[in-house]
Amino acid sequence: MDKSSVISVEKGIKIPRKKHGNLSQWVDVCNAMGVGDSVLVATHNHRCALATRINSQPGYRAVSRREDGKFRVWKIEEKICKV
């Protein structure tokens, strides 16, 4: 190793949240939503991204409907039917 290049150990550096494109945006939106809340998004891709995020949370699922050329996404409780 060259004496001019020094490697220093740093402590206490927080690990940033992973960013997958605009997914981190949907994480924040999803976390701000309560049961029964909805968000109107402009594109099908945004609808899919938000619905995927909601569906990844245990106990919740997304429902969406087309509204005036846009998409409304609701966060609802997931009901598990036991037979």
C-alpha atoms as a PDB file:
ATOM      1  CA  MET A   1       0.000   0.000   0.000  1.00  0.00           C
ATOM      2  CA  ASP A   2       1.263   3.425  -0.931  1.00  0.00           C
ATOM      3  CA  LYS A   3       2.071   5.579   2.106  1.00  0.00           C
ATOM      4  CA  SER A   4       0.280   8.548   0.479  1.00  0.00           C
ATOM      5  CA  SER A   5      -3.098   6.782   0.573  1.00  0.00           C
ATOM      6  CA  VAL A   6      -4.440   6.396   4.063  1.00  0.00           C
ATOM      7  CA  ILE A   7      -7.579   4.484   4.932  1.00  0.00           C
ATOM      8  CA  SER A   8      -9.413   5.808   7.933  1.00  0.00           C
ATOM      9  CA  VAL A   9     -12.035   3.955   9.928  1.00  0.00           C
ATOM     10  CA  GLU A  10     -15.164   6.017  10.613  1.00  0.00           C
ATOM     11  CA  LYS A  11     -17.618   5.268  13.377  1.00  0.00           C
ATOM     12  CA  GLY A  12     -21.209   6.330  13.913  1.00  0.00           C
ATOM     13  CA  ILE A  13     -22.076   6.876  10.242  1.00  0.00           C
ATOM     14  CA  LYS A  14     -25.758   6.020   9.700  1.00  0.00           C
ATOM     15  CA  ILE A  15     -26.645   3.728   6.807  1.00  0.00           C
ATOM     16  CA  PRO A  16     -28.954   5.616   4.416  1.00  0.00           C
ATOM     17  CA  ARG A  17     -32.220   4.041   3.315  1.00  0.00           C
ATOM     18  CA  LYS A  18     -31.979   2.160   0.022  1.00  0.00           C
ATOM     19  CA  LYS A  19     -33.288   4.061  -2.947  1.00  0.00           C
ATOM     20  CA  HIS A  20     -34.915   2.145  -5.761  1.00  0.00           C
ATOM     21  CA  GLY A  21     -35.792   4.872  -8.213  1.00  0.00           C
ATOM     22  CA  ASN A  22     -38.741   6.743  -6.715  1.00  0.00           C
ATOM     23  CA  LEU A  23     -39.690   3.888  -4.382  1.00  0.00           C
ATOM     24  CA  SER A  24     -38.545   5.858  -1.327  1.00  0.00           C
ATOM     25  CA  GLN A  25     -41.162   8.486  -2.237  1.00  0.00           C
ATOM     26  CA  TRP A  26     -43.873   5.818  -2.011  1.00  0.00           C
ATOM     27  CA  VAL A  27     -42.538   4.518   1.297  1.00  0.00           C
ATOM     28  CA  ASP A  28     -43.113   7.950   2.838  1.00  0.00           C
ATOM     29  CA  VAL A  29     -46.585   8.283   1.281  1.00  0.00           C
ATOM     30  CA  CYS A  30     -47.579   4.801   2.413  1.00  0.00           C
ATOM     31  CA  ASN A  31     -46.344   5.401   5.960  1.00  0.00           C
ATOM     32  CA  ALA A  32     -48.349   8.647   6.134  1.00  0.00           C
ATOM     33  CA  MET A  33     -51.561   6.894   5.065  1.00  0.00           C
ATOM     34  CA  GLY A  34     -54.013   5.530   7.591  1.00  0.00           C
ATOM     35  CA  VAL A  35     -56.603   2.834   6.996  1.00  0.00           C
ATOM     36  CA  GLY A  36     -59.215   4.163   4.561  1.00  0.00           C
ATOM     37  CA  ASP A  37     -57.011   7.023   3.305  1.00  0.00           C
ATOM     38  CA  SER A  38     -56.532   7.405  -0.441  1.00  0.00           C
ATOM     39  CA  VAL A  39     -54.115   9.109  -2.807  1.00  0.00           C
ATOM     40  CA  LEU A  40     -54.823  10.269  -6.360  1.00  0.00           C
ATOM     41  CA  VAL A  41     -51.862   9.548  -8.654  1.00  0.00           C
ATOM     42  CA  ALA A  42     -51.331  10.571 -12.249  1.00  0.00           C
ATOM     43  CA  THR A  43     -49.985   7.421 -13.888  1.00  0.00           C
ATOM     44  CA  HIS A  44     -50.457   3.670 -13.935  1.00  0.00           C
ATOM     45  CA  ASN A  45     -46.797   3.258 -12.923  1.00  0.00           C
ATOM     46  CA  HIS A  46     -47.371   5.422  -9.843  1.00  0.00           C
ATOM     47  CA  ARG A  47     -50.471   3.377  -9.022  1.00  0.00           C
ATOM     48  CA  CYS A  48     -48.476   0.163  -9.252  1.00  0.00           C
ATOM     49  CA  ALA A  49     -45.601   1.520  -7.150  1.00  0.00           C
ATOM     50  CA  LEU A  50     -47.876   2.736  -4.348  1.00  0.00           C
ATOM     51  CA  ALA A  51     -50.038  -0.397  -4.396  1.00  0.00           C
ATOM     52  CA  THR A  52     -46.937  -2.601  -4.245  1.00  0.00           C
ATOM     53  CA  ARG A  53     -45.666  -0.676  -1.236  1.00  0.00           C
ATOM     54  CA  ILE A  54     -49.013  -0.882   0.577  1.00  0.00           C
ATOM     55  CA  ASN A  55     -49.340  -4.599  -0.200  1.00  0.00           C
ATOM     56  CA  SER A  56     -45.854  -5.222   1.229  1.00  0.00           C
ATOM     57  CA  GLN A  57     -47.014  -4.072   4.674  1.00  0.00           C
ATOM     58  CA  PRO A  58     -48.429  -6.953   6.722  1.00  0.00           C
ATOM     59  CA  GLY A  59     -52.123  -6.485   7.484  1.00  0.00           C
ATOM     60  CA  TYR A  60     -52.824  -4.018   4.671  1.00  0.00           C
ATOM     61  CA  ARG A  61     -53.738  -4.157   1.017  1.00  0.00           C
ATOM     62  CA  ALA A  62     -54.317  -1.634  -1.728  1.00  0.00           C
ATOM     63  CA  VAL A  63     -57.470  -1.081  -3.733  1.00  0.00           C
ATOM     64  CA  SER A  64     -57.425   1.222  -6.732  1.00  0.00           C
ATOM     65  CA  ARG A  65     -59.917   2.698  -9.165  1.00  0.00           C
ATOM     66  CA  ARG A  66     -59.608   4.845 -12.265  1.00  0.00           C
ATOM     67  CA  GLU A  67     -60.848   8.399 -11.716  1.00  0.00           C
ATOM     68  CA  ASP A  68     -60.939  11.019 -14.484  1.00  0.00           C
ATOM     69  CA  GLY A  69     -57.918   9.545 -16.285  1.00  0.00           C
ATOM     70  CA  LYS A  70     -55.942   9.203 -13.039  1.00  0.00           C
ATOM     71  CA  PHE A  71     -55.808   6.497 -10.389  1.00  0.00           C
ATOM     72  CA  ARG A  72     -57.022   6.606  -6.790  1.00  0.00           C
ATOM     73  CA  VAL A  73     -55.336   4.163  -4.400  1.00  0.00           C
ATOM     74  CA  TRP A  74     -56.784   3.304  -0.972  1.00  0.00           C
ATOM     75  CA  LYS A  75     -55.001   1.649   1.938  1.00  0.00           C
ATOM     76  CA  ILE A  76     -57.325  -0.833   3.634  1.00  0.00           C
ATOM     77  CA  GLU A  77     -56.996  -3.540   6.263  1.00  0.00           C
ATOM     78  CA  GLU A  78     -56.441  -6.994   4.897  1.00  0.00           C
ATOM     79  CA  LYS A  79     -59.207  -9.267   6.063  1.00  0.00           C
ATOM     80  CA  ILE A  80     -58.208 -12.893   6.364  1.00  0.00           C
ATOM     81  CA  CYS A  81     -61.169 -15.225   5.973  1.00  0.00           C
ATOM     82  CA  LYS A  82     -60.926 -18.368   8.039  1.00  0.00           C
ATOM     83  CA  VAL A  83     -63.113 -21.283   7.029  1.00  0.00           C
END
